[in-house]
Protein backbone atom coordinates (compact mmCIF):
# COMPACT_ATOMS: atom_id res chain seq x y z
CA MET A 1 -71.28 0.12 28.40
CA PRO A 2 -72.54 1.95 25.28
CA ILE A 3 -74.60 -1.08 24.26
CA VAL A 4 -76.35 -1.32 27.62
CA LYS A 5 -77.22 2.39 27.65
CA THR A 6 -78.24 2.33 24.01
CA LYS A 7 -80.52 -0.68 24.49
CA LYS A 8 -82.28 1.03 27.41
CA ALA A 9 -82.63 4.35 25.46
CA ILE A 10 -83.99 2.70 22.29
CA GLU A 11 -86.64 0.88 24.33
CA GLU A 12 -88.01 4.29 25.39
CA ILE A 13 -88.54 5.62 21.87
CA GLN A 14 -91.08 4.70 19.17
CA SER A 15 -90.42 2.83 15.93
CA GLY A 16 -89.05 5.26 13.31
CA GLU A 17 -87.62 7.69 15.85
CA VAL A 18 -83.93 8.45 15.86
CA LEU A 19 -81.47 8.07 18.76
CA GLU A 20 -78.13 9.88 18.74
CA ILE A 21 -75.24 8.25 20.62
CA HIS A 22 -71.83 9.82 21.42
CA PRO A 23 -69.59 7.06 22.90
CA THR A 24 -65.93 7.61 23.49
CA ASP A 25 -65.02 3.90 23.68
CA LYS A 26 -62.89 2.86 20.69
CA GLY A 27 -64.73 -0.48 20.51
CA ALA A 28 -68.07 1.19 20.31
CA LYS A 29 -68.05 1.47 16.51
CA VAL A 30 -67.81 -2.27 15.99
CA ASP A 31 -70.13 -3.09 18.86
CA LEU A 32 -72.86 -0.59 17.97
CA THR A 33 -72.72 -1.36 14.29
CA ALA A 34 -73.28 -5.09 14.96
CA TRP A 35 -75.94 -4.37 17.59
CA VAL A 36 -77.89 -2.10 15.19
CA LYS A 37 -77.77 -4.74 12.46
CA SER A 38 -78.81 -7.60 14.77
CA GLY A 39 -81.73 -5.54 16.14
CA GLY A 40 -83.02 -4.67 12.65
CA HIS A 41 -82.46 -0.96 13.28
CA GLU A 42 -80.92 1.41 10.72
CA LEU A 43 -77.57 3.20 11.19
CA LEU A 44 -78.11 6.69 9.69
CA LYS A 45 -74.85 8.29 10.72
CA ASP A 46 -71.50 6.92 11.79
CA ILE A 47 -68.63 9.48 12.08
CA GLU A 48 -65.72 10.18 14.41
CA GLU A 49 -64.70 13.70 15.39
CA GLU A 50 -61.82 14.39 17.81
CA GLY A 51 -61.99 10.91 19.33
CA ILE A 52 -65.74 10.96 19.80
CA PHE A 53 -67.97 8.75 17.73
CA LYS A 54 -71.36 10.02 16.65
CA PHE A 55 -74.03 7.53 15.72
CA ARG A 56 -77.64 8.17 14.67
CA VAL A 57 -79.78 5.07 14.89
CA GLN A 58 -83.34 4.80 13.64
CA LYS A 59 -85.44 2.35 15.58
CA ALA A 60 -87.04 -0.48 13.62
């Protein structure tokens, strides 16, 4: 589900803008990292705090 929501959210922002994502799904790290790379976007932040992942993605 994080990929679907992220894809919709990133379509609503302009190139160069940053989207912050806080998924709780353990598979989100692998999925989002691969999705960011395949879309040509840049992963600016990738951390986990208390079971919650925090990603900052800059739109290509």
